Amino acid sequence: MVTNAATLGRSGVHDFILLRASAIVLALYSIFMMGFFIITPEVTFEIWHGLFSNLAMQIFTILAVVAVLFHAWIGIWQVLTDYVKNTMLRGLLQFLFTLTLFVYVAAVLLTVWGV
């Protein structure tokens, strides 16, 4: 088994399960949001604010963003491992993508929780 800093001691089975679980969460969130836009005739600020003022929606949104983080992290690692052979370049790209993902998560947390 190949291990490095990017895998954090995980196995391929662990990655497989995380990818499938995050895909399910993202599918459910997408279906919910499509349903919201289909059944809501006009989306105003008040309606949008009301939707995201609900604690369940805030938790669901954070869960979806964490699912995006896991999904993208594993996907980026797999793609870079397959296609970028230069170790220094791969490490730099992984760092930049990971930093970007964490900035996205922080932005969503600040937006959803209104801190």
PDB file of N, CA and C in Angstrom:
ATOM      1  N   MET A   1       0.843  -1.182   0.000  1.00  0.00           N
ATOM      2  CA  MET A   1       0.000   0.000   0.000  1.00  0.00           C
ATOM      3  C   MET A   1       0.884   1.239   0.000  1.00  0.00           C
ATOM      4  N   VAL A   2       0.577   2.186  -0.847  1.00  0.00           N
ATOM      5  CA  VAL A   2       1.330   3.430  -0.931  1.00  0.00           C
ATOM      6  C   VAL A   2       0.733   4.412   0.055  1.00  0.00           C
ATOM      7  N   THR A   3       1.571   5.002   0.883  1.00  0.00           N
ATOM      8  CA  THR A   3       1.100   6.032   1.801  1.00  0.00           C
ATOM      9  C   THR A   3       1.985   7.256   1.682  1.00  0.00           C
ATOM     10  N   ASN A   4       1.380   8.396   1.826  1.00  0.00           N
ATOM     11  CA  ASN A   4       2.113   9.652   1.888  1.00  0.00           C
ATOM     12  C   ASN A   4       1.285  10.644   2.686  1.00  0.00           C
ATOM     13  N   ALA A   5       1.745  11.873   2.763  1.00  0.00           N
ATOM     14  CA  ALA A   5       1.052  12.866   3.581  1.00  0.00           C
ATOM     15  C   ALA A   5      -0.361  13.140   3.089  1.00  0.00           C
ATOM     16  N   ALA A   6      -0.601  12.988   1.801  1.00  0.00           N
ATOM     17  CA  ALA A   6      -1.923  13.296   1.251  1.00  0.00           C
ATOM     18  C   ALA A   6      -2.956  12.236   1.605  1.00  0.00           C
ATOM     19  N   THR A   7      -2.533  11.008   1.820  1.00  0.00           N
ATOM     20  CA  THR A   7      -3.496   9.952   2.095  1.00  0.00           C
ATOM     21  C   THR A   7      -3.880   9.884   3.560  1.00  0.00           C
ATOM     22  N   LEU A   8      -3.035  10.439   4.435  1.00  0.00           N
ATOM     23  CA  LEU A   8      -3.307  10.447   5.875  1.00  0.00           C
ATOM     24  C   LEU A   8      -3.581   9.052   6.410  1.00  0.00           C
ATOM     25  N   GLY A   9      -2.913   8.038   5.871  1.00  0.00           N
ATOM     26  CA  GLY A   9      -3.049   6.672   6.371  1.00  0.00           C
ATOM     27  C   GLY A   9      -4.327   5.971   5.959  1.00  0.00           C
ATOM     28  N   ARG A  10      -5.077   6.546   5.032  1.00  0.00           N
ATOM     29  CA  ARG A  10      -6.328   5.930   4.595  1.00  0.00           C
ATOM     30  C   ARG A  10      -6.039   4.816   3.610  1.00  0.00           C
ATOM     31  N   SER A  11      -7.041   4.016   3.405  1.00  0.00           N
ATOM     32  CA  SER A  11      -6.943   2.971   2.392  1.00  0.00           C
ATOM     33  C   SER A  11      -7.869   3.320   1.237  1.00  0.00           C
ATOM     34  N   GLY A  12      -7.762   2.550   0.161  1.00  0.00           N
ATOM     35  CA  GLY A  12      -8.639   2.761  -0.980  1.00  0.00           C
ATOM     36  C   GLY A  12     -10.101   2.536  -0.638  1.00  0.00           C
ATOM     37  N   VAL A  13     -10.366   1.597   0.268  1.00  0.00           N
ATOM     38  CA  VAL A  13     -11.744   1.333   0.697  1.00  0.00           C
ATOM     39  C   VAL A  13     -12.302   2.551   1.428  1.00  0.00           C
ATOM     40  N   HIS A  14     -11.487   3.162   2.267  1.00  0.00           N
ATOM     41  CA  HIS A  14     -11.911   4.352   3.003  1.00  0.00           C
ATOM     42  C   HIS A  14     -12.266   5.475   2.027  1.00  0.00           C
ATOM     43  N   ASP A  15     -11.412   5.690   1.025  1.00  0.00           N
ATOM     44  CA  ASP A  15     -11.694   6.703   0.012  1.00  0.00           C
ATOM     45  C   ASP A  15     -12.972   6.381  -0.761  1.00  0.00           C
ATOM     46  N   PHE A  16     -13.155   5.100  -1.110  1.00  0.00           N
ATOM     47  CA  PHE A  16     -14.346   4.668  -1.838  1.00  0.00           C
ATOM     48  C   PHE A  16     -15.608   5.004  -1.039  1.00  0.00           C
ATOM     49  N   ILE A  17     -15.593   4.687   0.241  1.00  0.00           N
ATOM     50  CA  ILE A  17     -16.762   4.941   1.095  1.00  0.00           C
ATOM     51  C   ILE A  17     -17.013   6.435   1.250  1.00  0.00           C
ATOM     52  N   LEU A  18     -15.931   7.209   1.477  1.00  0.00           N
ATOM     53  CA  LEU A  18     -16.098   8.661   1.607  1.00  0.00           C
ATOM     54  C   LEU A  18     -16.648   9.288   0.330  1.00  0.00           C
ATOM     55  N   LEU A  19     -16.161   8.830  -0.822  1.00  0.00           N
ATOM     56  CA  LEU A  19     -16.663   9.365  -2.088  1.00  0.00           C
ATOM     57  C   LEU A  19     -18.141   9.057  -2.278  1.00  0.00           C
ATOM     58  N   ARG A  20     -18.532   7.823  -1.981  1.00  0.00           N
ATOM     59  CA  ARG A  20     -19.940   7.447  -2.164  1.00  0.00           C
ATOM     60  C   ARG A  20     -20.838   8.175  -1.171  1.00  0.00           C
ATOM     61  N   ALA A  21     -20.412   8.279   0.069  1.00  0.00           N
ATOM     62  CA  ALA A  21     -21.221   8.976   1.077  1.00  0.00           C
ATOM     63  C   ALA A  21     -21.355  10.458   0.729  1.00  0.00           C
ATOM     64  N   SER A  22     -20.255  11.082   0.319  1.00  0.00           N
ATOM     65  CA  SER A  22     -20.335  12.496  -0.036  1.00  0.00           C
ATOM     66  C   SER A  22     -21.181  12.702  -1.293  1.00  0.00           C
ATOM     67  N   ALA A  23     -21.119  11.770  -2.227  1.00  0.00           N
ATOM     68  CA  ALA A  23     -21.957  11.873  -3.429  1.00  0.00           C
ATOM     69  C   ALA A  23     -23.443  11.777  -3.082  1.00  0.00           C
ATOM     70  N   ILE A  24     -23.785  10.932  -2.136  1.00  0.00           N
ATOM     71  CA  ILE A  24     -25.185  10.814  -1.710  1.00  0.00           C
ATOM     72  C   ILE A  24     -25.654  12.111  -1.067  1.00  0.00           C
ATOM     73  N   VAL A  25     -24.836  12.686  -0.185  1.00  0.00           N
ATOM     74  CA  VAL A  25     -25.201  13.948   0.465  1.00  0.00           C
ATOM     75  C   VAL A  25     -25.371  15.045  -0.582  1.00  0.00           C
ATOM     76  N   LEU A  26     -24.459  15.122  -1.523  1.00  0.00           N
ATOM     77  CA  LEU A  26     -24.548  16.150  -2.568  1.00  0.00           C
ATOM     78  C   LEU A  26     -25.759  15.943  -3.471  1.00  0.00           C
ATOM     79  N   ALA A  27     -26.084  14.704  -3.769  1.00  0.00           N
ATOM     80  CA  ALA A  27     -27.275  14.420  -4.583  1.00  0.00           C
ATOM     81  C   ALA A  27     -28.539  14.841  -3.842  1.00  0.00           C
ATOM     82  N   LEU A  28     -28.622  14.509  -2.557  1.00  0.00           N
ATOM     83  CA  LEU A  28     -29.801  14.894  -1.768  1.00  0.00           C
ATOM     84  C   LEU A  28     -29.932  16.413  -1.678  1.00  0.00           C
ATOM     85  N   TYR A  29     -28.814  17.093  -1.457  1.00  0.00           N
ATOM     86  CA  TYR A  29     -28.846  18.558  -1.371  1.00  0.00           C
ATOM     87  C   TYR A  29     -29.271  19.168  -2.709  1.00  0.00           C
ATOM     88  N   SER A  30     -28.744  18.633  -3.798  1.00  0.00           N
ATOM     89  CA  SER A  30     -29.100  19.134  -5.121  1.00  0.00           C
ATOM     90  C   SER A  30     -30.580  18.921  -5.423  1.00  0.00           C
ATOM     91  N   ILE A  31     -31.079  17.743  -5.100  1.00  0.00           N
ATOM     92  CA  ILE A  31     -32.504  17.446  -5.320  1.00  0.00           C
ATOM     93  C   ILE A  31     -33.372  18.371  -4.487  1.00  0.00           C
ATOM     94  N   PHE A  32     -32.990  18.581  -3.229  1.00  0.00           N
ATOM     95  CA  PHE A  32     -33.752  19.485  -2.362  1.00  0.00           C
ATOM     96  C   PHE A  32     -33.782  20.895  -2.941  1.00  0.00           C
ATOM     97  N   MET A  33     -32.611  21.404  -3.371  1.00  0.00           N
ATOM     98  CA  MET A  33     -32.557  22.766  -3.895  1.00  0.00           C
ATOM     99  C   MET A  33     -33.329  22.892  -5.213  1.00  0.00           C
ATOM    100  N   MET A  34     -33.247  21.873  -6.071  1.00  0.00           N
ATOM    101  CA  MET A  34     -34.040  21.904  -7.311  1.00  0.00           C
ATOM    102  C   MET A  34     -35.527  21.920  -6.980  1.00  0.00           C
ATOM    103  N   GLY A  35     -35.930  21.093  -6.030  1.00  0.00           N
ATOM    104  CA  GLY A  35     -37.327  21.076  -5.607  1.00  0.00           C
ATOM    105  C   GLY A  35     -37.763  22.422  -5.054  1.00  0.00           C
ATOM    106  N   PHE A  36     -36.907  23.047  -4.271  1.00  0.00           N
ATOM    107  CA  PHE A  36     -37.221  24.375  -3.720  1.00  0.00           C
ATOM    108  C   PHE A  36     -37.467  25.380  -4.833  1.00  0.00           C
ATOM    109  N   PHE A  37     -36.584  25.393  -5.841  1.00  0.00           N
ATOM    110  CA  PHE A  37     -36.745  26.350  -6.934  1.00  0.00           C
ATOM    111  C   PHE A  37     -37.943  26.015  -7.822  1.00  0.00           C
ATOM    112  N   ILE A  38     -38.282  24.744  -7.933  1.00  0.00           N
ATOM    113  CA  ILE A  38     -39.432  24.355  -8.750  1.00  0.00           C
ATOM    114  C   ILE A  38     -40.743  24.742  -8.075  1.00  0.00           C
ATOM    115  N   ILE A  39     -40.855  24.531  -6.765  1.00  0.00           N
ATOM    116  CA  ILE A  39     -42.127  24.801  -6.086  1.00  0.00           C
ATOM    117  C   ILE A  39     -42.270  26.237  -5.601  1.00  0.00           C
ATOM    118  N   THR A  40     -41.188  27.007  -5.613  1.00  0.00           N
ATOM    119  CA  THR A  40     -41.264  28.398  -5.183  1.00  0.00           C
ATOM    120  C   THR A  40     -41.414  29.276  -6.423  1.00  0.00           C
ATOM    121  N   PRO A  41     -42.582  29.929  -6.568  1.00  0.00           N
ATOM    122  CA  PRO A  41     -42.827  30.689  -7.796  1.00  0.00           C
ATOM    123  C   PRO A  41     -41.878  31.883  -7.958  1.00  0.00           C
ATOM    124  N   GLU A  42     -41.576  32.562  -6.863  1.00  0.00           N
ATOM    125  CA  GLU A  42     -40.686  33.715  -6.934  1.00  0.00           C
ATOM    126  C   GLU A  42     -39.786  33.685  -5.706  1.00  0.00           C
ATOM    127  N   VAL A  43     -38.490  33.676  -5.932  1.00  0.00           N
ATOM    128  CA  VAL A  43     -37.545  33.638  -4.825  1.00  0.00           C
ATOM    129  C   VAL A  43     -37.120  35.070  -4.510  1.00  0.00           C
ATOM    130  N   THR A  44     -37.600  35.548  -3.376  1.00  0.00           N
ATOM    131  CA  THR A  44     -37.229  36.880  -2.918  1.00  0.00           C
ATOM    132  C   THR A  44     -36.219  36.736  -1.784  1.00  0.00           C
ATOM    133  N   PHE A  45     -35.679  37.868  -1.359  1.00  0.00           N
ATOM    134  CA  PHE A  45     -34.724  37.844  -0.258  1.00  0.00           C
ATOM    135  C   PHE A  45     -35.360  37.273   0.997  1.00  0.00           C
ATOM    136  N   GLU A  46     -36.609  37.635   1.251  1.00  0.00           N
ATOM    137  CA  GLU A  46     -37.292  37.167   2.454  1.00  0.00           C
ATOM    138  C   GLU A  46     -37.463  35.647   2.444  1.00  0.00           C
ATOM    139  N   ILE A  47     -37.834  35.105   1.298  1.00  0.00           N
ATOM    140  CA  ILE A  47     -37.998  33.650   1.183  1.00  0.00           C
ATOM    141  C   ILE A  47     -36.649  32.955   1.336  1.00  0.00           C
ATOM    142  N   TRP A  48     -35.645  33.486   0.659  1.00  0.00           N
ATOM    143  CA  TRP A  48     -34.304  32.897   0.722  1.00  0.00           C
ATOM    144  C   TRP A  48     -33.756  32.970   2.150  1.00  0.00           C
ATOM    145  N   HIS A  49     -33.933  34.125   2.789  1.00  0.00           N
ATOM    146  CA  HIS A  49     -33.482  34.301   4.173  1.00  0.00           C
ATOM    147  C   HIS A  49     -34.241  33.369   5.105  1.00  0.00           C
ATOM    148  N   GLY A  50     -35.519  33.218   4.874  1.00  0.00           N
ATOM    149  CA  GLY A  50     -36.318  32.306   5.691  1.00  0.00           C
ATOM    150  C   GLY A  50     -35.857  30.857   5.559  1.00  0.00           C
ATOM    151  N   LEU A  51     -35.520  30.457   4.343  1.00  0.00           N
ATOM    152  CA  LEU A  51     -35.038  29.097   4.127  1.00  0.00           C
ATOM    153  C   LEU A  51     -33.748  28.860   4.903  1.00  0.00           C
ATOM    154  N   PHE A  52     -32.802  29.787   4.809  1.00  0.00           N
ATOM    155  CA  PHE A  52     -31.505  29.592   5.441  1.00  0.00           C
ATOM    156  C   PHE A  52     -31.472  30.031   6.904  1.00  0.00           C
ATOM    157  N   SER A  53     -32.571  30.560   7.416  1.00  0.00           N
ATOM    158  CA  SER A  53     -32.668  30.851   8.850  1.00  0.00           C
ATOM    159  C   SER A  53     -33.016  29.595   9.635  1.00  0.00           C
ATOM    160  N   ASN A  54     -33.528  28.608   8.952  1.00  0.00           N
ATOM    161  CA  ASN A  54     -33.896  27.341   9.580  1.00  0.00           C
ATOM    162  C   ASN A  54     -32.631  26.573   9.960  1.00  0.00           C
ATOM    163  N   LEU A  55     -32.535  26.125  11.205  1.00  0.00           N
ATOM    164  CA  LEU A  55     -31.354  25.412  11.691  1.00  0.00           C
ATOM    165  C   LEU A  55     -31.091  24.143  10.893  1.00  0.00           C
ATOM    166  N   ALA A  56     -32.144  23.423  10.520  1.00  0.00           N
ATOM    167  CA  ALA A  56     -31.974  22.194   9.751  1.00  0.00           C
ATOM    168  C   ALA A  56     -31.337  22.492   8.393  1.00  0.00           C
ATOM    169  N   MET A  57     -31.739  23.584   7.758  1.00  0.00           N
ATOM    170  CA  MET A  57     -31.169  23.957   6.459  1.00  0.00           C
ATOM    171  C   MET A  57     -29.718  24.383   6.613  1.00  0.00           C
ATOM    172  N   GLN A  58     -29.403  25.084   7.684  1.00  0.00           N
ATOM    173  CA  GLN A  58     -28.022  25.485   7.935  1.00  0.00           C
ATOM    174  C   GLN A  58     -27.129  24.256   8.122  1.00  0.00           C
ATOM    175  N   ILE A  59     -27.597  23.293   8.880  1.00  0.00           N
ATOM    176  CA  ILE A  59     -26.831  22.064   9.105  1.00  0.00           C
ATOM    177  C   ILE A  59     -26.699  21.281   7.807  1.00  0.00           C
ATOM    178  N   PHE A  60     -27.781  21.193   7.038  1.00  0.00           N
ATOM    179  CA  PHE A  60     -27.760  20.482   5.752  1.00  0.00           C
ATOM    180  C   PHE A  60     -26.768  21.140   4.788  1.00  0.00           C
ATOM    181  N   THR A  61     -26.730  22.467   4.781  1.00  0.00           N
ATOM    182  CA  THR A  61     -25.808  23.197   3.915  1.00  0.00           C
ATOM    183  C   THR A  61     -24.362  22.955   4.331  1.00  0.00           C
ATOM    184  N   ILE A  62     -24.085  23.010   5.621  1.00  0.00           N
ATOM    185  CA  ILE A  62     -22.729  22.748   6.109  1.00  0.00           C
ATOM    186  C   ILE A  62     -22.327  21.309   5.786  1.00  0.00           C
ATOM    187  N   LEU A  63     -23.242  20.384   5.960  1.00  0.00           N
ATOM    188  CA  LEU A  63     -22.961  18.983   5.630  1.00  0.00           C
ATOM    189  C   LEU A  63     -22.638  18.835   4.138  1.00  0.00           C
ATOM    190  N   ALA A  64     -23.375  19.538   3.296  1.00  0.00           N
ATOM    191  CA  ALA A  64     -23.123  19.482   1.855  1.00  0.00           C
ATOM    192  C   ALA A  64     -21.763  20.082   1.514  1.00  0.00           C
ATOM    193  N   VAL A  65     -21.392  21.154   2.174  1.00  0.00           N
ATOM    194  CA  VAL A  65     -20.096  21.776   1.895  1.00  0.00           C
ATOM    195  C   VAL A  65     -18.952  20.887   2.376  1.00  0.00           C
ATOM    196  N   VAL A  66     -19.122  20.236   3.506  1.00  0.00           N
ATOM    197  CA  VAL A  66     -18.102  19.293   3.986  1.00  0.00           C
ATOM    198  C   VAL A  66     -18.015  18.105   3.024  1.00  0.00           C
ATOM    199  N   ALA A  67     -19.148  17.682   2.481  1.00  0.00           N
ATOM    200  CA  ALA A  67     -19.145  16.611   1.484  1.00  0.00           C
ATOM    201  C   ALA A  67     -18.375  17.039   0.233  1.00  0.00           C
ATOM    202  N   VAL A  68     -18.544  18.297  -0.184  1.00  0.00           N
ATOM    203  CA  VAL A  68     -17.780  18.812  -1.322  1.00  0.00           C
ATOM    204  C   VAL A  68     -16.290  18.792  -0.983  1.00  0.00           C
ATOM    205  N   LEU A  69     -15.943  19.184   0.231  1.00  0.00           N
ATOM    206  CA  LEU A  69     -14.546  19.177   0.653  1.00  0.00           C
ATOM    207  C   LEU A  69     -13.947  17.781   0.541  1.00  0.00           C
ATOM    208  N   PHE A  70     -14.614  16.780   1.109  1.00  0.00           N
ATOM    209  CA  PHE A  70     -14.104  15.411   1.045  1.00  0.00           C
ATOM    210  C   PHE A  70     -14.018  14.912  -0.395  1.00  0.00           C
ATOM    211  N   HIS A  71     -15.084  15.151  -1.142  1.00  0.00           N
ATOM    212  CA  HIS A  71     -15.169  14.671  -2.522  1.00  0.00           C
ATOM    213  C   HIS A  71     -14.053  15.286  -3.373  1.00  0.00           C
ATOM    214  N   ALA A  72     -13.886  16.591  -3.255  1.00  0.00           N
ATOM    215  CA  ALA A  72     -12.862  17.272  -4.046  1.00  0.00           C
ATOM    216  C   ALA A  72     -11.463  16.894  -3.585  1.00  0.00           C
ATOM    217  N   TRP A  73     -11.261  16.776  -2.285  1.00  0.00           N
ATOM    218  CA  TRP A  73      -9.941  16.451  -1.759  1.00  0.00           C
ATOM    219  C   TRP A  73      -9.470  15.105  -2.311  1.00  0.00           C
ATOM    220  N   ILE A  74     -10.315  14.108  -2.229  1.00  0.00           N
ATOM    221  CA  ILE A  74      -9.953  12.774  -2.719  1.00  0.00           C
ATOM    222  C   ILE A  74      -9.807  12.788  -4.241  1.00  0.00           C
ATOM    223  N   GLY A  75     -10.721  13.449  -4.926  1.00  0.00           N
ATOM    224  CA  GLY A  75     -10.654  13.509  -6.382  1.00  0.00           C
ATOM    225  C   GLY A  75      -9.399  14.204  -6.875  1.00  0.00           C
ATOM    226  N   ILE A  76      -9.054  15.327  -6.249  1.00  0.00           N
ATOM    227  CA  ILE A  76      -7.853  16.054  -6.646  1.00  0.00           C
ATOM    228  C   ILE A  76      -6.612  15.205  -6.380  1.00  0.00           C
ATOM    229  N   TRP A  77      -6.580  14.547  -5.227  1.00  0.00           N
ATOM    230  CA  TRP A  77      -5.430  13.688  -4.911  1.00  0.00           C
ATOM    231  C   TRP A  77      -5.282  12.588  -5.960  1.00  0.00           C
ATOM    232  N   GLN A  78      -6.394  11.964  -6.342  1.00  0.00           N
ATOM    233  CA  GLN A  78      -6.330  10.885  -7.324  1.00  0.00           C
ATOM    234  C   GLN A  78      -5.862  11.396  -8.688  1.00  0.00           C
ATOM    235  N   VAL A  79      -6.400  12.514  -9.128  1.00  0.00           N
ATOM    236  CA  VAL A  79      -6.024  13.056 -10.435  1.00  0.00           C
ATOM    237  C   VAL A  79      -4.560  13.492 -10.438  1.00  0.00           C
ATOM    238  N   LEU A  80      -4.146  14.216  -9.401  1.00  0.00           N
ATOM    239  CA  LEU A  80      -2.757  14.672  -9.363  1.00  0.00           C
ATOM    240  C   LEU A  80      -1.783  13.507  -9.253  1.00  0.00           C
ATOM    241  N   THR A  81      -2.137  12.487  -8.493  1.00  0.00           N
ATOM    242  CA  THR A  81      -1.266  11.316  -8.371  1.00  0.00           C
ATOM    243  C   THR A  81      -1.124  10.606  -9.709  1.00  0.00           C
ATOM    244  N   ASP A  82      -2.192  10.555 -10.470  1.00  0.00           N
ATOM    245  CA  ASP A  82      -2.154   9.871 -11.769  1.00  0.00           C
ATOM    246  C   ASP A  82      -1.422  10.677 -12.844  1.00  0.00           C
ATOM    247  N   TYR A  83      -1.588  12.002 -12.855  1.00  0.00           N
ATOM    248  CA  TYR A  83      -1.141  12.777 -13.999  1.00  0.00           C
ATOM    249  C   TYR A  83       0.033  13.714 -13.747  1.00  0.00           C
ATOM    250  N   VAL A  84       0.327  14.047 -12.503  1.00  0.00           N
ATOM    251  CA  VAL A  84       1.460  14.934 -12.215  1.00  0.00           C
ATOM    252  C   VAL A  84       2.549  14.091 -11.571  1.00  0.00           C
ATOM    253  N   LYS A  85       3.578  13.807 -12.330  1.00  0.00           N
ATOM    254  CA  LYS A  85       4.641  12.904 -11.861  1.00  0.00           C
ATOM    255  C   LYS A  85       5.712  13.623 -11.048  1.00  0.00           C
ATOM    256  N   ASN A  86       5.896  14.910 -11.254  1.00  0.00           N
ATOM    257  CA  ASN A  86       6.876  15.677 -10.502  1.00  0.00           C
ATOM    258  C   ASN A  86       6.371  15.851  -9.069  1.00  0.00           C
ATOM    259  N   THR A  87       7.111  15.325  -8.104  1.00  0.00           N
ATOM    260  CA  THR A  87       6.668  15.309  -6.708  1.00  0.00           C
ATOM    261  C   THR A  87       6.508  16.718  -6.142  1.00  0.00           C
ATOM    262  N   MET A  88       7.435  17.597  -6.441  1.00  0.00           N
ATOM    263  CA  MET A  88       7.355  18.971  -5.917  1.00  0.00           C
ATOM    264  C   MET A  88       6.141  19.705  -6.490  1.00  0.00           C
ATOM    265  N   LEU A  89       5.916  19.566  -7.787  1.00  0.00           N
ATOM    266  CA  LEU A  89       4.774  20.224  -8.419  1.00  0.00           C
ATOM    267  C   LEU A  89       3.468  19.651  -7.882  1.00  0.00           C
ATOM    268  N   ARG A  90       3.411  18.323  -7.750  1.00  0.00           N
ATOM    269  CA  ARG A  90       2.201  17.680  -7.217  1.00  0.00           C
ATOM    270  C   ARG A  90       1.920  18.160  -5.798  1.00  0.00           C
ATOM    271  N   GLY A  91       2.954  18.240  -4.975  1.00  0.00           N
ATOM    272  CA  GLY A  91       2.781  18.714  -3.604  1.00  0.00           C
ATOM    273  C   GLY A  91       2.296  20.150  -3.550  1.00  0.00           C
ATOM    274  N   LEU A  92       2.872  20.998  -4.403  1.00  0.00           N
ATOM    275  CA  LEU A  92       2.445  22.400  -4.460  1.00  0.00           C
ATOM    276  C   LEU A  92       0.992  22.507  -4.904  1.00  0.00           C
ATOM    277  N   LEU A  93       0.623  21.765  -5.954  1.00  0.00           N
ATOM    278  CA  LEU A  93      -0.764  21.805  -6.434  1.00  0.00           C
ATOM    279  C   LEU A  93      -1.733  21.277  -5.383  1.00  0.00           C
ATOM    280  N   GLN A  94      -1.365  20.200  -4.693  1.00  0.00           N
ATOM    281  CA  GLN A  94      -2.226  19.676  -3.631  1.00  0.00           C
ATOM    282  C   GLN A  94      -2.398  20.707  -2.527  1.00  0.00           C
ATOM    283  N   PHE A  95      -1.317  21.373  -2.172  1.00  0.00           N
ATOM    284  CA  PHE A  95      -1.396  22.406  -1.136  1.00  0.00           C
ATOM    285  C   PHE A  95      -2.327  23.534  -1.570  1.00  0.00           C
ATOM    286  N   LEU A  96      -2.165  24.013  -2.796  1.00  0.00           N
ATOM    287  CA  LEU A  96      -2.995  25.118  -3.282  1.00  0.00           C
ATOM    288  C   LEU A  96      -4.469  24.735  -3.365  1.00  0.00           C
ATOM    289  N   PHE A  97      -4.749  23.533  -3.888  1.00  0.00           N
ATOM    290  CA  PHE A  97      -6.143  23.089  -3.960  1.00  0.00           C
ATOM    291  C   PHE A  97      -6.741  22.908  -2.575  1.00  0.00           C
ATOM    292  N   THR A  98      -5.975  22.336  -1.661  1.00  0.00           N
ATOM    293  CA  THR A  98      -6.473  22.115  -0.301  1.00  0.00           C
ATOM    294  C   THR A  98      -6.720  23.446   0.397  1.00  0.00           C
ATOM    295  N   LEU A  99      -5.809  24.383   0.239  1.00  0.00           N
ATOM    296  CA  LEU A  99      -5.994  25.712   0.819  1.00  0.00           C
ATOM    297  C   LEU A  99      -7.259  26.369   0.265  1.00  0.00           C
ATOM    298  N   THR A 100      -7.457  26.258  -1.045  1.00  0.00           N
ATOM    299  CA  THR A 100      -8.650  26.820  -1.676  1.00  0.00           C
ATOM    300  C   THR A 100      -9.923  26.176  -1.130  1.00  0.00           C
ATOM    301  N   LEU A 101      -9.907  24.860  -0.972  1.00  0.00           N
ATOM    302  CA  LEU A 101     -11.078  24.168  -0.433  1.00  0.00           C
ATOM    303  C   LEU A 101     -11.397  24.645   0.981  1.00  0.00           C
ATOM    304  N   PHE A 102     -10.385  24.796   1.812  1.00  0.00           N
ATOM    305  CA  PHE A 102     -10.628  25.262   3.176  1.00  0.00           C
ATOM    306  C   PHE A 102     -11.102  26.711   3.220  1.00  0.00           C
ATOM    307  N   VAL A 103     -10.643  27.531   2.296  1.00  0.00           N
ATOM    308  CA  VAL A 103     -11.151  28.906   2.204  1.00  0.00           C
ATOM    309  C   VAL A 103     -12.630  28.886   1.821  1.00  0.00           C
ATOM    310  N   TYR A 104     -13.003  28.007   0.886  1.00  0.00           N
ATOM    311  CA  TYR A 104     -14.415  27.872   0.512  1.00  0.00           C
ATOM    312  C   TYR A 104     -15.262  27.447   1.707  1.00  0.00           C
ATOM    313  N   VAL A 105     -14.788  26.468   2.463  1.00  0.00           N
ATOM    314  CA  VAL A 105     -15.532  26.000   3.637  1.00  0.00           C
ATOM    315  C   VAL A 105     -15.666  27.130   4.651  1.00  0.00           C
ATOM    316  N   ALA A 106     -14.592  27.869   4.892  1.00  0.00           N
ATOM    317  CA  ALA A 106     -14.648  28.988   5.829  1.00  0.00           C
ATOM    318  C   ALA A 106     -15.636  30.048   5.355  1.00  0.00           C
ATOM    319  N   ALA A 107     -15.638  30.349   4.058  1.00  0.00           N
ATOM    320  CA  ALA A 107     -16.565  31.348   3.518  1.00  0.00           C
ATOM    321  C   ALA A 107     -18.013  30.907   3.705  1.00  0.00           C
ATOM    322  N   VAL A 108     -18.287  29.641   3.468  1.00  0.00           N
ATOM    323  CA  VAL A 108     -19.658  29.141   3.645  1.00  0.00           C
ATOM    324  C   VAL A 108     -20.048  29.168   5.120  1.00  0.00           C
ATOM    325  N   LEU A 109     -19.138  28.777   5.998  1.00  0.00           N
ATOM    326  CA  LEU A 109     -19.443  28.830   7.434  1.00  0.00           C
ATOM    327  C   LEU A 109     -19.767  30.254   7.869  1.00  0.00           C
ATOM    328  N   LEU A 110     -18.974  31.202   7.422  1.00  0.00           N
ATOM    329  CA  LEU A 110     -19.236  32.608   7.780  1.00  0.00           C
ATOM    330  C   LEU A 110     -20.553  33.103   7.176  1.00  0.00           C
ATOM    331  N   THR A 111     -20.861  32.651   5.972  1.00  0.00           N
ATOM    332  CA  THR A 111     -22.100  33.077   5.329  1.00  0.00           C
ATOM    333  C   THR A 111     -23.326  32.449   5.967  1.00  0.00           C
ATOM    334  N   VAL A 112     -23.282  31.146   6.194  1.00  0.00           N
ATOM    335  CA  VAL A 112     -24.457  30.445   6.732  1.00  0.00           C
ATOM    336  C   VAL A 112     -24.718  30.813   8.188  1.00  0.00           C
ATOM    337  N   TRP A 113     -23.665  30.885   8.999  1.00  0.00           N
ATOM    338  CA  TRP A 113     -23.850  31.172  10.421  1.00  0.00           C
ATOM    339  C   TRP A 113     -23.838  32.654  10.700  1.00  0.00           C
ATOM    340  N   GLY A 114     -23.488  33.479   9.701  1.00  0.00           N
ATOM    341  CA  GLY A 114     -23.574  34.928   9.854  1.00  0.00           C
ATOM    342  C   GLY A 114     -22.657  35.481  10.915  1.00  0.00           C
ATOM    343  N   VAL A 115     -21.485  34.903  11.029  1.00  0.00           N
ATOM    344  CA  VAL A 115     -20.544  35.367  12.059  1.00  0.00           C
ATOM    345  C   VAL A 115     -19.838  36.598  11.579  1.00  0.00           C
TER     346      VAL A 115
END
